[in-house]
């Protein structure tokens, strides 16, 4: 199975990076596209754009996308990945990290909470 994993740089600190690094170490056939790395706002935006383009180019050659997501900006970044994968009819597994995700979501305005899910 050809798996495309999408998320934060596995060389950085934190739980998501630890999980992705372990998954890559134990699954050498998994391909990783980094869409987030610490740095200035410009560097983060540039990496997100170039990473998203790399995802779009890879989608015709993968069987499944494994997207690592947390709260805040990660939802937007992975939401775009999910929409792209849907356009290519590639299934997506969303791996939700972030111990405060529920609290963050509940703090969003009600219309945003009720917006249609991109995962449907």
Protein backbone atom coordinates (compact mmCIF):
# COMPACT_ATOMS: atom_id res chain seq x y z
CA UNK A 1 0.00 0.00 0.00
CA UNK A 2 1.32 3.43 -0.96
CA UNK A 3 0.85 5.75 2.04
CA UNK A 4 1.42 9.49 1.98
CA UNK A 5 1.82 10.91 5.48
CA UNK A 6 1.28 14.66 5.88
CA UNK A 7 2.09 16.76 8.91
CA UNK A 8 4.68 18.57 10.97
CA UNK A 9 8.40 18.05 10.53
CA UNK A 10 9.31 14.80 12.33
CA UNK A 11 12.69 16.23 13.35
CA UNK A 12 11.14 18.83 15.63
CA UNK A 13 10.10 18.46 19.27
CA UNK A 14 6.61 17.52 20.39
CA UNK A 15 4.19 14.64 20.34
CA UNK A 16 3.16 14.86 16.71
CA UNK A 17 6.79 14.93 15.56
CA UNK A 18 7.60 11.97 17.79
CA UNK A 19 4.71 9.93 16.38
CA UNK A 20 5.56 10.71 12.77
CA UNK A 21 9.27 9.98 13.33
CA UNK A 22 8.43 6.59 14.87
CA UNK A 23 6.01 5.75 12.07
CA UNK A 24 8.63 6.60 9.44
CA UNK A 25 11.29 4.61 11.27
CA UNK A 26 9.12 1.48 11.40
CA UNK A 27 7.46 1.90 7.98
CA UNK A 28 10.20 2.80 5.49
CA UNK A 29 7.79 2.68 2.54
CA UNK A 30 5.67 5.53 3.89
CA UNK A 31 6.31 8.82 2.11
CA UNK A 32 6.22 12.00 4.21
CA UNK A 33 5.31 15.52 3.10
CA UNK A 34 6.02 18.19 5.70
CA UNK A 35 3.46 21.01 5.80
CA UNK A 36 4.53 22.68 9.06
CA UNK A 37 7.79 23.58 10.74
CA UNK A 38 8.59 26.16 13.41
CA UNK A 39 9.91 29.47 12.11
CA UNK A 40 8.79 32.88 10.98
CA UNK A 41 5.28 33.35 9.64
CA UNK A 42 6.68 33.72 6.11
CA UNK A 43 8.69 30.49 6.33
CA UNK A 44 5.69 28.59 7.75
CA UNK A 45 3.41 29.92 4.99
CA UNK A 46 5.94 29.10 2.28
CA UNK A 47 6.38 25.54 3.61
CA UNK A 48 2.60 25.05 3.79
CA UNK A 49 2.16 26.19 0.18
CA UNK A 50 5.05 24.12 -1.20
CA UNK A 51 4.05 21.12 0.92
CA UNK A 52 0.46 21.33 -0.31
CA UNK A 53 1.68 21.43 -3.92
CA UNK A 54 3.84 18.35 -3.21
CA UNK A 55 0.76 16.58 -1.78
CA UNK A 56 -1.29 17.45 -4.89
CA UNK A 57 1.45 16.13 -7.16
CA UNK A 58 1.76 12.90 -5.16
CA UNK A 59 -1.96 12.11 -4.91
CA UNK A 60 -2.28 10.29 -8.26
CA UNK A 61 0.35 7.81 -7.06
CA UNK A 62 -0.85 6.99 -3.52
CA UNK A 63 -3.50 4.69 -2.07
CA UNK A 64 -4.19 6.57 1.18
CA UNK A 65 -3.27 9.83 2.90
CA UNK A 66 -2.47 9.79 6.62
CA UNK A 67 -2.85 13.40 7.83
CA UNK A 68 -1.63 14.44 11.29
CA UNK A 69 -3.74 17.28 12.65
CA UNK A 70 -3.95 19.39 15.77
CA UNK A 71 -5.99 22.47 16.59
CA UNK A 72 -5.83 26.01 15.17
CA UNK A 73 -3.93 26.43 11.88
CA UNK A 74 -3.39 22.71 11.55
CA UNK A 75 -7.13 22.27 10.91
CA UNK A 76 -6.91 24.64 7.95
CA UNK A 77 -3.72 23.08 6.57
CA UNK A 78 -5.07 19.53 6.80
CA UNK A 79 -8.52 20.62 5.64
CA UNK A 80 -6.96 21.64 2.33
CA UNK A 81 -5.17 18.27 2.15
CA UNK A 82 -8.46 16.45 2.78
CA UNK A 83 -10.22 18.45 0.06
CA UNK A 84 -7.41 17.72 -2.41
CA UNK A 85 -7.49 14.02 -1.57
CA UNK A 86 -11.26 13.94 -2.05
CA UNK A 87 -10.83 15.55 -5.48
CA UNK A 88 -8.45 12.70 -6.38
CA UNK A 89 -10.71 10.11 -4.70
CA UNK A 90 -7.94 9.10 -2.32
CA UNK A 91 -9.08 8.00 1.16
CA UNK A 92 -7.77 9.98 4.13
CA UNK A 93 -7.05 8.94 7.70
CA UNK A 94 -7.02 12.01 9.96
CA UNK A 95 -4.88 11.40 13.03
CA UNK A 96 -5.98 14.04 15.54
CA UNK A 97 -3.32 15.14 18.01
CA UNK A 98 -3.72 17.93 20.52
CA UNK A 99 -4.94 17.39 24.04
CA UNK A 100 -6.91 20.63 23.94
CA UNK A 101 -8.70 20.07 20.61
CA UNK A 102 -12.20 19.72 22.09
CA UNK A 103 -11.84 22.87 24.21
CA UNK A 104 -10.48 24.78 21.20
CA UNK A 105 -13.35 23.60 18.99
CA UNK A 106 -15.95 24.49 21.61
CA UNK A 107 -14.49 28.00 21.75
CA UNK A 108 -15.16 28.60 18.05
CA UNK A 109 -18.23 30.60 17.00
CA UNK A 110 -21.32 28.40 16.61
CA UNK A 111 -21.60 28.94 12.81
CA UNK A 112 -18.03 27.70 12.40
CA UNK A 113 -18.73 24.64 14.54
CA UNK A 114 -21.77 23.85 12.40
CA UNK A 115 -19.96 24.26 9.07
CA UNK A 116 -20.06 21.13 6.90
CA UNK A 117 -17.19 18.80 7.57
CA UNK A 118 -14.64 18.36 4.80
CA UNK A 119 -14.27 14.73 5.88
CA UNK A 120 -17.78 13.73 4.79
